[in-house]
Amino acid sequence: MDDILNIRPQRDGDGTILRLFLVEDSEDVRDLIVESLAEIAGVRLVGYAETELEALRHLQQNSYDVLILDIQLKQGNGMSLLQSLARSNTRRQSEVKVVFSNHVSPTYRRVGVQCGVQHFFDKSSELPLLCDLLQELAKQKGGKSGRTSSSNNSPQGPAQAGGV
């Protein structure tokens, strides 16, 4: 659990799985997201982090298709993380950045857009919309559609632990 930086995301042979990385410090929210992802075909949560520093280190070494992040974290915040990633030029242009937070004010949206965020969802009411987006992205990536029960959505290895 403490060594998120030494874990590489599992590779899928045909590249059709939509790989997600989650930056979220609430275990309850992570569990809710993982449970929701289990119903979306072609999506896999390959890791997560609970703090800004832990996420930055991991994201600078690994790539994903979708980065989902909260704004307020145990240490640091999602906006600072996005700014650091933008400055480091280590992210792929095709990576989709999604803010999933209780703090989706116009100011956060403006800063997020400047850092490449394409989607903002309110945690309190928009989880179904986040799932719809992920379902559509998975469909685009792998030609899969619809929700289905799948066991491929659990994080793999110590990367799931967040490394606190």
Protein backbone atom coordinates (compact mmCIF):
# COMPACT_ATOMS: atom_id res chain seq x y z
CA MET A 1 0.00 0.00 0.00
CA ASP A 2 2.82 2.40 0.72
CA ASP A 3 4.65 1.99 -2.57
CA ILE A 4 2.38 3.28 -5.31
CA LEU A 5 5.34 4.61 -7.30
CA ASN A 6 6.82 1.20 -8.01
CA ILE A 7 3.68 -0.26 -9.54
CA ARG A 8 3.10 -0.07 -13.27
CA PRO A 9 -0.44 -0.22 -14.58
CA GLN A 10 -1.45 -3.54 -16.03
CA ARG A 11 -1.22 -3.54 -19.83
CA ASP A 12 -4.00 -4.86 -21.97
CA GLY A 13 -2.86 -6.70 -25.07
CA ASP A 14 -5.26 -5.09 -27.51
CA GLY A 15 -5.32 -1.63 -25.88
CA THR A 16 -9.12 -1.51 -25.84
CA ILE A 17 -9.52 -1.10 -22.08
CA LEU A 18 -10.07 2.47 -20.88
CA ARG A 19 -7.51 2.90 -18.09
CA LEU A 20 -8.46 5.24 -15.23
CA PHE A 21 -6.37 6.80 -12.49
CA LEU A 22 -8.25 8.31 -9.55
CA VAL A 23 -7.02 11.01 -7.18
CA GLU A 24 -9.41 10.86 -4.23
CA ASP A 25 -8.73 10.83 -0.49
CA SER A 26 -12.14 9.61 0.66
CA GLU A 27 -12.30 5.83 0.93
CA ASP A 28 -16.10 5.94 0.76
CA VAL A 29 -16.07 7.92 -2.47
CA ARG A 30 -13.41 5.65 -3.98
CA ASP A 31 -15.49 2.60 -3.09
CA LEU A 32 -18.57 4.19 -4.66
CA ILE A 33 -16.65 4.95 -7.86
CA VAL A 34 -15.18 1.44 -8.04
CA GLU A 35 -18.63 -0.05 -7.50
CA SER A 36 -20.03 2.11 -10.29
CA LEU A 37 -17.16 1.24 -12.64
CA ALA A 38 -17.89 -2.46 -12.18
CA GLU A 39 -21.01 -1.94 -14.28
CA ILE A 40 -19.23 -0.30 -17.23
CA ALA A 41 -17.76 -2.62 -19.85
CA GLY A 42 -14.25 -1.81 -21.02
CA VAL A 43 -13.21 0.33 -18.05
CA ARG A 44 -10.52 -0.49 -15.50
CA LEU A 45 -9.37 1.52 -12.49
CA VAL A 46 -5.64 0.84 -12.56
CA GLY A 47 -4.64 2.88 -9.54
CA TYR A 48 -5.28 5.77 -7.25
CA ALA A 49 -3.63 8.25 -4.94
CA GLU A 50 -4.87 10.11 -1.87
CA THR A 51 -2.49 13.09 -1.89
CA GLU A 52 -1.25 15.61 -4.43
CA LEU A 53 2.41 14.59 -4.10
CA GLU A 54 1.71 10.88 -4.38
CA ALA A 55 -0.45 11.47 -7.47
CA LEU A 56 2.13 13.76 -9.08
CA ARG A 57 4.92 11.22 -8.66
CA HIS A 58 2.80 8.40 -10.02
CA LEU A 59 1.38 10.38 -12.93
CA GLN A 60 4.81 11.61 -14.03
CA GLN A 61 5.89 7.99 -14.45
CA ASN A 62 2.73 6.41 -15.87
CA SER A 63 0.07 7.25 -18.40
CA TYR A 64 -3.65 6.64 -18.38
CA ASP A 65 -6.59 7.32 -20.63
CA VAL A 66 -8.62 9.17 -17.98
CA LEU A 67 -7.52 11.07 -14.89
CA ILE A 68 -10.33 11.66 -12.37
CA LEU A 69 -9.51 13.93 -9.47
CA ASP A 70 -10.98 15.68 -6.49
CA ILE A 71 -10.05 19.25 -5.65
CA GLN A 72 -9.60 18.96 -1.88
CA LEU A 73 -7.22 16.21 -0.77
CA LYS A 74 -5.62 15.11 2.52
CA GLN A 75 -2.44 16.84 1.37
CA GLY A 76 -2.48 19.41 -1.40
CA ASN A 77 -5.28 19.82 -3.91
CA GLY A 78 -6.32 18.78 -7.36
CA MET A 79 -5.90 22.21 -8.93
CA SER A 80 -2.27 22.43 -7.83
CA LEU A 81 -1.76 18.90 -9.15
CA LEU A 82 -3.16 19.90 -12.55
CA GLN A 83 -0.94 22.98 -12.64
CA SER A 84 2.13 20.88 -11.79
CA LEU A 85 1.26 18.36 -14.49
CA ALA A 86 0.77 21.14 -17.03
CA ARG A 87 4.18 22.65 -16.15
CA SER A 88 5.95 19.30 -16.34
CA ASN A 89 4.63 18.51 -19.85
CA THR A 90 4.52 14.80 -18.97
CA ARG A 91 0.85 14.21 -19.78
CA ARG A 92 -0.39 12.92 -23.09
CA GLN A 93 -2.67 15.18 -25.08
CA SER A 94 -5.20 12.35 -25.49
CA GLU A 95 -5.63 11.88 -21.75
CA VAL A 96 -9.05 13.02 -20.54
CA LYS A 97 -9.00 15.03 -17.32
CA VAL A 98 -12.12 15.00 -15.16
CA VAL A 99 -12.78 16.87 -11.92
CA PHE A 100 -15.19 15.02 -9.61
CA SER A 101 -15.61 17.22 -6.56
CA ASN A 102 -17.99 19.06 -4.27
CA HIS A 103 -16.14 22.24 -5.32
CA VAL A 104 -17.09 22.97 -8.93
CA SER A 105 -17.42 26.75 -8.74
CA PRO A 106 -16.83 28.95 -11.79
CA THR A 107 -13.37 29.84 -10.47
CA TYR A 108 -12.32 26.19 -10.18
CA ARG A 109 -13.79 25.52 -13.61
CA ARG A 110 -11.82 28.38 -15.16
CA VAL A 111 -8.54 27.26 -13.61
CA GLY A 112 -9.29 23.65 -14.52
CA VAL A 113 -9.95 24.48 -18.16
CA GLN A 114 -6.63 26.37 -18.27
CA CYS A 115 -4.99 23.13 -17.07
CA GLY A 116 -6.73 20.93 -19.61
CA VAL A 117 -9.78 19.72 -17.68
CA GLN A 118 -12.49 18.69 -20.12
CA HIS A 119 -15.25 17.68 -17.65
CA PHE A 120 -16.47 18.77 -14.22
CA PHE A 121 -18.92 16.73 -12.13
CA ASP A 122 -20.41 17.48 -8.72
CA LYS A 123 -19.88 14.55 -6.34
CA SER A 124 -23.16 15.15 -4.58
CA SER A 125 -25.36 14.67 -7.62
CA GLU A 126 -23.52 13.82 -10.82
CA LEU A 127 -22.00 10.34 -10.40
CA PRO A 128 -24.42 8.96 -13.04
CA LEU A 129 -23.19 11.62 -15.48
CA LEU A 130 -19.57 10.66 -14.77
CA CYS A 131 -20.45 7.02 -15.43
CA ASP A 132 -22.19 7.98 -18.67
CA LEU A 133 -19.06 9.83 -19.80
CA LEU A 134 -16.82 6.87 -18.94
CA GLN A 135 -19.16 4.49 -20.72
CA GLU A 136 -19.04 6.66 -23.85
CA LEU A 137 -15.23 6.97 -23.70
CA ALA A 138 -14.89 3.20 -23.29
CA LYS A 139 -17.20 2.68 -26.23
CA GLN A 140 -15.10 5.04 -28.36
CA LYS A 141 -11.85 3.37 -27.35
CA GLY A 142 -12.85 -0.26 -27.65
CA GLY A 143 -16.05 -0.40 -29.58
CA LYS A 144 -17.86 -1.69 -26.48
CA SER A 145 -21.21 -0.38 -25.34
CA GLY A 146 -23.59 -0.77 -22.47
CA ARG A 147 -23.11 -1.53 -18.83
CA THR A 148 -22.29 -5.02 -17.75
CA SER A 149 -21.05 -6.68 -14.63
CA SER A 150 -17.28 -7.05 -14.79
CA SER A 151 -14.53 -7.94 -12.38
CA ASN A 152 -11.91 -6.08 -14.42
CA ASN A 153 -12.55 -2.77 -12.72
CA SER A 154 -10.66 -3.25 -9.48
CA PRO A 155 -7.34 -1.52 -8.98
CA GLN A 156 -4.37 -3.80 -9.36
CA GLY A 157 -1.72 -4.33 -6.68
CA PRO A 158 -0.46 -1.72 -4.21
CA ALA A 159 -1.40 1.15 -6.54
CA GLN A 160 -4.92 0.77 -5.18
CA ALA A 161 -3.78 1.69 -1.72
CA GLY A 162 -2.93 5.30 -2.31
CA GLY A 163 0.42 4.95 -0.54
CA VAL A 164 -0.37 6.82 2.63
